[in-house]
Protein backbone atom coordinates (compact mmCIF):
# COMPACT_ATOMS: atom_id res chain seq x y z
CA MET A 1 0.09 -0.21 0.30
CA LYS A 2 2.35 1.99 0.67
CA LYS A 3 4.58 1.97 -2.41
CA VAL A 4 0.93 2.66 -4.49
CA ILE A 5 0.34 5.99 -2.10
CA LEU A 6 3.85 6.46 -3.33
CA ALA A 7 3.35 6.12 -7.14
CA ALA A 8 0.01 8.01 -6.76
CA PHE A 9 2.12 11.20 -4.70
CA VAL A 10 4.86 11.35 -7.42
CA LEU A 11 2.26 11.42 -9.92
CA GLY A 12 0.13 13.97 -8.73
CA THR A 13 3.42 16.36 -7.58
CA ILE A 14 4.24 16.30 -10.99
CA THR A 15 0.58 16.90 -12.79
CA THR A 16 -0.20 19.53 -10.04
CA ALA A 17 3.60 21.40 -10.76
CA VAL A 18 2.44 22.71 -14.17
CA ALA A 19 -1.11 23.11 -13.68
CA GLN A 20 -1.14 25.92 -15.31
CA GLN A 21 -0.61 23.43 -18.83
CA GLN A 22 -3.20 22.12 -20.88
CA VAL A 23 -3.69 18.70 -18.47
CA LYS A 24 -5.70 15.71 -19.86
CA PHE A 25 -6.37 12.75 -17.87
CA GLY A 26 -7.07 9.10 -18.23
CA PRO A 27 -7.13 5.27 -17.82
CA LYS A 28 -5.23 2.55 -20.23
CA ALA A 29 -4.64 -1.01 -20.18
CA GLY A 30 -2.74 -4.04 -22.47
CA LEU A 31 -0.90 -6.15 -23.17
CA ASN A 32 2.84 -7.35 -21.90
CA PHE A 33 5.53 -9.89 -23.66
CA ALA A 34 7.74 -10.08 -21.03
CA ASN A 35 11.52 -11.54 -21.09
CA LEU A 36 14.25 -11.46 -18.71
CA SER A 37 17.88 -10.95 -20.15
CA GLY A 38 20.53 -12.68 -18.23
CA ASP A 39 18.24 -15.86 -18.94
CA ASP A 40 19.68 -16.92 -22.29
CA ASN A 41 16.89 -19.87 -21.67
CA SER A 42 13.41 -18.13 -21.09
CA ASP A 43 10.61 -17.71 -23.22
CA MET A 44 8.80 -14.89 -23.00
CA LEU A 45 5.39 -14.78 -21.45
CA THR A 46 2.29 -12.40 -21.61
CA GLY A 47 0.69 -10.95 -18.80
CA PHE A 48 -1.36 -7.18 -19.22
CA HIS A 49 -0.92 -3.98 -17.62
CA VAL A 50 -3.65 -1.74 -16.15
CA GLY A 51 -3.15 1.73 -14.98
CA ALA A 52 -3.89 5.78 -15.79
CA VAL A 53 -2.13 8.04 -17.63
CA ALA A 54 -2.05 12.28 -17.56
CA GLU A 55 -0.15 13.99 -20.29
CA ILE A 56 0.91 17.68 -20.18
CA LYS A 57 1.10 19.30 -23.19
CA PHE A 58 3.12 22.70 -23.94
CA ASN A 59 2.73 23.27 -26.81
CA GLU A 60 1.73 21.36 -30.04
CA LYS A 61 4.27 19.23 -30.30
CA PHE A 62 5.79 18.95 -26.78
CA SER A 63 4.47 17.30 -23.94
CA ILE A 64 5.78 15.24 -20.71
CA GLN A 65 3.59 11.83 -19.67
CA PRO A 66 3.49 10.73 -16.19
CA GLU A 67 2.02 7.37 -15.90
CA VAL A 68 1.04 4.65 -13.03
CA VAL A 69 0.92 1.86 -13.98
CA TYR A 70 0.37 -2.11 -12.68
CA SER A 71 2.15 -4.39 -15.12
CA ALA A 72 2.42 -8.24 -14.58
CA GLN A 73 5.60 -9.29 -15.82
CA GLY A 74 8.87 -12.16 -15.84
CA SER A 75 9.04 -14.82 -18.05
CA SER A 76 9.27 -18.48 -18.95
CA ARG A 77 10.92 -21.56 -20.08
CA SER A 78 9.82 -25.63 -20.93
CA GLY A 79 11.31 -28.22 -22.69
CA SER A 80 11.13 -31.81 -22.43
CA THR A 81 13.46 -35.19 -23.02
CA THR A 82 12.69 -39.03 -23.06
CA LEU A 83 14.62 -41.14 -21.17
CA LEU A 84 14.60 -45.44 -21.55
CA GLY A 85 11.30 -45.01 -22.66
CA ILE A 86 10.22 -42.26 -20.47
CA THR A 87 9.14 -38.89 -21.40
CA SER A 88 9.14 -36.01 -18.86
CA SER A 89 8.27 -32.48 -19.70
CA PHE A 90 7.89 -29.23 -17.85
CA GLU A 91 6.97 -25.72 -18.14
CA GLY A 92 8.39 -22.86 -15.83
CA LYS A 93 7.24 -19.36 -14.70
CA GLN A 94 8.62 -16.52 -12.97
CA LYS A 95 6.58 -13.96 -12.30
CA LEU A 96 6.85 -10.56 -11.08
CA ASP A 97 4.66 -7.98 -11.02
CA TYR A 98 5.16 -4.00 -10.16
CA ILE A 99 3.71 -0.94 -10.23
CA ASN A 100 5.25 1.16 -12.73
CA VAL A 101 6.04 4.81 -12.40
CA PRO A 102 7.07 6.15 -16.22
CA ILE A 103 7.68 9.30 -17.47
CA MET A 104 7.52 10.11 -20.84
CA ALA A 105 8.53 13.08 -23.07
CA LYS A 106 6.46 13.21 -25.91
CA TYR A 107 7.36 14.21 -29.09
CA TYR A 108 4.90 14.85 -31.96
CA ILE A 109 5.52 14.43 -35.41
CA ILE A 110 2.40 14.94 -36.95
CA ASP A 111 -1.13 15.49 -35.73
CA GLY A 112 -1.95 12.78 -33.73
CA PHE A 113 1.05 10.73 -34.13
CA SER A 114 4.38 10.79 -31.50
CA VAL A 115 7.11 8.99 -30.30
CA GLU A 116 8.48 8.85 -26.45
CA ALA A 117 10.40 8.52 -24.49
CA GLY A 118 11.71 8.61 -20.87
CA PRO A 119 12.76 6.89 -17.21
CA GLN A 120 11.20 4.51 -15.31
CA ILE A 121 11.02 3.65 -11.62
CA GLY A 122 8.92 -0.18 -11.01
CA PHE A 123 8.23 -0.65 -7.39
CA LEU A 124 8.17 -4.71 -7.51
CA MET A 125 4.25 -5.84 -5.60
CA LYS A 126 4.31 -9.72 -6.56
CA ALA A 127 6.95 -12.66 -7.44
CA GLU A 128 5.68 -16.26 -7.66
CA SER A 129 7.55 -18.70 -9.06
CA GLU A 130 5.10 -21.22 -11.33
CA LEU A 131 6.78 -25.36 -11.89
CA ASP A 132 4.04 -28.11 -14.19
CA THR A 133 5.80 -30.76 -14.81
CA THR A 134 4.60 -33.87 -16.30
CA ILE A 135 6.62 -37.55 -15.73
CA ALA A 136 4.90 -40.36 -17.66
CA GLY A 137 1.58 -38.53 -17.51
CA VAL A 138 1.15 -37.83 -14.03
CA ASN A 139 0.83 -34.04 -13.57
CA SER A 140 2.34 -31.37 -11.04
CA ASN A 141 1.88 -27.69 -10.52
CA VAL A 142 4.33 -26.61 -7.55
CA LYS A 143 4.09 -22.98 -6.83
CA GLY A 144 6.70 -20.06 -4.71
CA ASP A 145 7.16 -16.96 -3.73
CA ASN A 146 10.03 -16.18 -3.43
CA LYS A 147 9.71 -12.64 -3.91
CA ASP A 148 13.17 -12.14 -0.89
CA SER A 149 14.78 -13.49 -4.53
CA PHE A 150 14.79 -9.50 -5.91
CA LYS A 151 15.25 -6.18 -5.27
CA SER A 152 12.40 -4.01 -3.68
CA THR A 153 13.20 -1.74 -6.88
CA ASP A 154 13.82 -1.47 -11.09
CA PHE A 155 15.00 1.45 -13.00
CA GLY A 156 14.25 1.33 -16.93
CA LEU A 157 14.03 3.53 -20.02
CA GLY A 158 10.49 3.43 -22.24
CA LEU A 159 10.53 3.65 -25.99
CA GLY A 160 7.91 4.12 -27.85
CA LEU A 161 4.59 5.67 -30.50
CA ALA A 162 1.58 6.15 -29.65
CA TYR A 163 -1.35 7.84 -31.82
CA ASP A 164 -4.16 9.70 -30.25
CA LEU A 165 -8.25 9.79 -32.34
CA PRO A 166 -10.06 13.24 -32.08
CA VAL A 167 -12.11 11.20 -30.35
CA GLY A 168 -9.87 11.02 -26.98
CA LEU A 169 -9.12 7.86 -27.79
CA PHE A 170 -4.84 6.59 -28.25
CA VAL A 171 -3.32 3.54 -29.55
CA ASN A 172 0.37 2.78 -28.05
CA ALA A 173 3.09 0.36 -28.34
CA ARG A 174 6.12 0.83 -26.43
CA TYR A 175 9.64 -0.59 -25.30
CA ASN A 176 10.48 -1.19 -21.70
CA LEU A 177 14.84 -1.36 -21.19
CA GLY A 178 15.37 -2.45 -17.75
CA LEU A 179 19.16 -0.88 -16.62
CA SER A 180 19.19 -2.59 -13.48
CA ASP A 181 20.39 -6.24 -11.79
CA ILE A 182 16.29 -7.27 -10.49
CA ARG A 183 17.95 -10.39 -8.33
CA GLU A 184 18.69 -9.12 -4.72
CA ASN A 185 21.97 -11.37 -4.65
CA THR A 186 24.61 -10.10 -7.60
CA SER A 187 27.09 -11.77 -6.83
CA ALA A 188 27.41 -14.23 -9.70
CA GLY A 189 25.89 -14.98 -12.41
CA ASP A 190 25.10 -12.70 -15.72
CA ALA A 191 22.42 -9.33 -14.34
CA VAL A 192 19.48 -10.03 -15.20
CA LYS A 193 17.24 -7.40 -15.90
CA ASN A 194 13.62 -6.86 -16.84
CA ASN A 195 12.43 -6.18 -20.24
CA VAL A 196 8.45 -5.79 -21.82
CA ILE A 197 6.99 -4.81 -24.83
CA GLN A 198 3.59 -2.73 -24.49
CA VAL A 199 0.75 -3.06 -26.91
CA GLY A 200 -1.91 -1.08 -25.45
CA ILE A 201 -4.45 1.23 -25.29
CA GLY A 202 -6.74 4.24 -23.55
CA TYR A 203 -8.51 7.30 -22.90
CA LYS A 204 -7.71 11.20 -22.30
CA PHE A 205 -10.63 13.38 -21.13
CA ASP A 206 -10.38 16.92 -21.32
């Protein structure tokens, strides 16, 4: 709850400081295609994001867009082997749920179409590992909380494109590049960083 309050405070502080500018608020939601760099055997994990945006326009070309977004991220992996005629397979998932606070600088190339880039801080809300195994047709599922294995904050950089329709709707695609090692124990192995492709839709109220 403290992290939610902090994220809301950051958004509120920014929007209040520039209240004299044109400000639009609204919700956004969409799909995540997430992975963890530093883990060569991992695959993308499909998740979701949902949150709120506040676009602060300084002129027709330039604006700042702070956001507060709940984002389901992580990675997956799978494999199978056959030994002495017995086939075993597995599918594992590392789920990482964050409240992310990106602050995007937007430049409108043409009317409605913009490019965006900016820093992002993420607050880890939940971390859960899940392993499904099948051995000789017998299935098992194991889940576990492993939040202690990850740092409570993450830092990244967002790069994306957006298109605003005249009716208030907008669509966007963004790549969130993780800049910090999210492991709590960083003494061994390659750094593990969040990498997320987001595709979403939203609405901005005047």
